[in-house]
Amino acid sequence: MASGDPEIEVSPLSGTVTRDGVTVELAIYRMAGANEGWTLEVVDATNTSTVWDDRFETDDEASAEFQRCLDEEGIELLLAGDVAPSLH
């Protein structure tokens, strides 16, 4: 890793999620040593990324928002070409 590259801390809550036969990669991460909050990102099978605009104070909050989105809006909303999830 080059000296100018930031170090990324990945939450243990990140991983592969499958619902209704659709699989996405859930990524919850932040800059190591920074107090800027956690980023929530979902990557679909076509390698298209959906990133929430807001950062989360904890990785648990980011994970809870992802679950809320799945429960209320469905995983299909996160697939390429669909509208980004409503952000709260």
Protein backbone atom coordinates (compact mmCIF):
# COMPACT_ATOMS: atom_id res chain seq x y z
CA MET A 1 0.00 0.00 0.00
CA ALA A 2 1.36 3.41 -0.92
CA SER A 3 2.04 5.79 1.96
CA GLY A 4 -0.60 8.25 0.72
CA ASP A 5 -3.43 5.70 0.58
CA PRO A 6 -5.88 5.93 3.48
CA GLU A 7 -6.41 2.86 5.62
CA ILE A 8 -9.96 1.54 5.58
CA GLU A 9 -11.60 -0.16 8.56
CA VAL A 10 -14.22 -2.70 7.45
CA SER A 11 -17.03 -3.62 9.84
CA PRO A 12 -17.50 -7.29 10.72
CA LEU A 13 -21.18 -6.67 9.80
CA SER A 14 -20.15 -6.51 6.13
CA GLY A 15 -20.64 -9.53 3.90
CA THR A 16 -22.78 -11.29 1.34
CA VAL A 17 -26.56 -11.00 1.77
CA THR A 18 -29.13 -13.05 -0.14
CA ARG A 19 -32.85 -12.36 -0.07
CA ASP A 20 -35.57 -13.55 -2.44
CA GLY A 21 -32.94 -15.25 -4.61
CA VAL A 22 -30.94 -12.03 -5.07
CA THR A 23 -27.42 -11.71 -3.68
CA VAL A 24 -25.64 -8.43 -2.93
CA GLU A 25 -22.42 -7.52 -1.17
CA LEU A 26 -22.95 -5.35 1.91
CA ALA A 27 -20.01 -3.10 2.76
CA ILE A 28 -19.87 -1.03 5.94
CA TYR A 29 -16.58 0.83 6.33
CA ARG A 30 -14.85 3.99 7.50
CA MET A 31 -11.46 5.65 7.34
CA ALA A 32 -9.31 4.16 10.09
CA GLY A 33 -8.56 6.65 12.84
CA ALA A 34 -11.08 9.19 11.53
CA ASN A 35 -14.23 10.18 13.36
CA GLU A 36 -16.31 10.72 10.22
CA GLY A 37 -18.80 7.88 10.66
CA TRP A 38 -19.49 4.67 8.81
CA THR A 39 -20.32 4.44 5.09
CA LEU A 40 -23.00 2.02 3.88
CA GLU A 41 -22.56 0.57 0.39
CA VAL A 42 -24.30 -2.26 -1.46
CA VAL A 43 -22.81 -3.83 -4.61
CA ASP A 44 -24.98 -5.97 -6.88
CA ALA A 45 -24.05 -8.85 -9.21
CA THR A 46 -23.25 -6.43 -12.06
CA ASN A 47 -20.76 -4.65 -9.76
CA THR A 48 -23.02 -1.59 -9.54
CA SER A 49 -22.68 0.23 -6.25
CA THR A 50 -25.35 2.02 -4.20
CA VAL A 51 -23.85 4.26 -1.51
CA TRP A 52 -25.92 6.06 1.11
CA ASP A 53 -25.26 9.81 1.24
CA ASP A 54 -25.39 9.97 5.03
CA ARG A 55 -22.79 8.46 7.29
CA PHE A 56 -23.72 6.51 10.39
CA GLU A 57 -22.38 6.99 13.90
CA THR A 58 -21.93 3.23 14.38
CA ASP A 59 -21.67 0.22 12.12
CA ASP A 60 -24.74 -1.19 13.91
CA GLU A 61 -26.75 1.85 12.76
CA ALA A 62 -25.56 1.34 9.18
CA SER A 63 -26.53 -2.33 9.32
CA ALA A 64 -29.94 -1.46 10.79
CA GLU A 65 -30.59 1.00 7.92
CA PHE A 66 -29.71 -1.69 5.39
CA GLN A 67 -32.11 -4.11 7.08
CA ARG A 68 -34.83 -1.44 7.20
CA CYS A 69 -34.37 -0.87 3.46
CA LEU A 70 -34.64 -4.59 2.76
CA ASP A 71 -37.74 -5.00 4.94
CA GLU A 72 -39.60 -1.90 3.75
CA GLU A 73 -38.46 -1.47 0.15
CA GLY A 74 -37.12 -4.87 -0.94
CA ILE A 75 -33.76 -5.98 -2.27
CA GLU A 76 -34.83 -5.30 -5.88
CA LEU A 77 -34.53 -1.57 -5.19
CA LEU A 78 -30.77 -2.03 -4.79
CA LEU A 79 -30.23 -3.62 -8.20
CA ALA A 80 -28.59 -1.83 -11.13
CA GLY A 81 -30.87 0.55 -12.94
CA ASP A 82 -33.31 0.97 -10.07
CA VAL A 83 -33.88 4.10 -8.05
CA ALA A 84 -31.57 4.66 -5.08
CA PRO A 85 -33.09 3.95 -1.66
CA SER A 86 -34.69 6.78 0.27
CA LEU A 87 -32.15 8.10 2.71
CA HIS A 88 -33.08 9.18 6.20
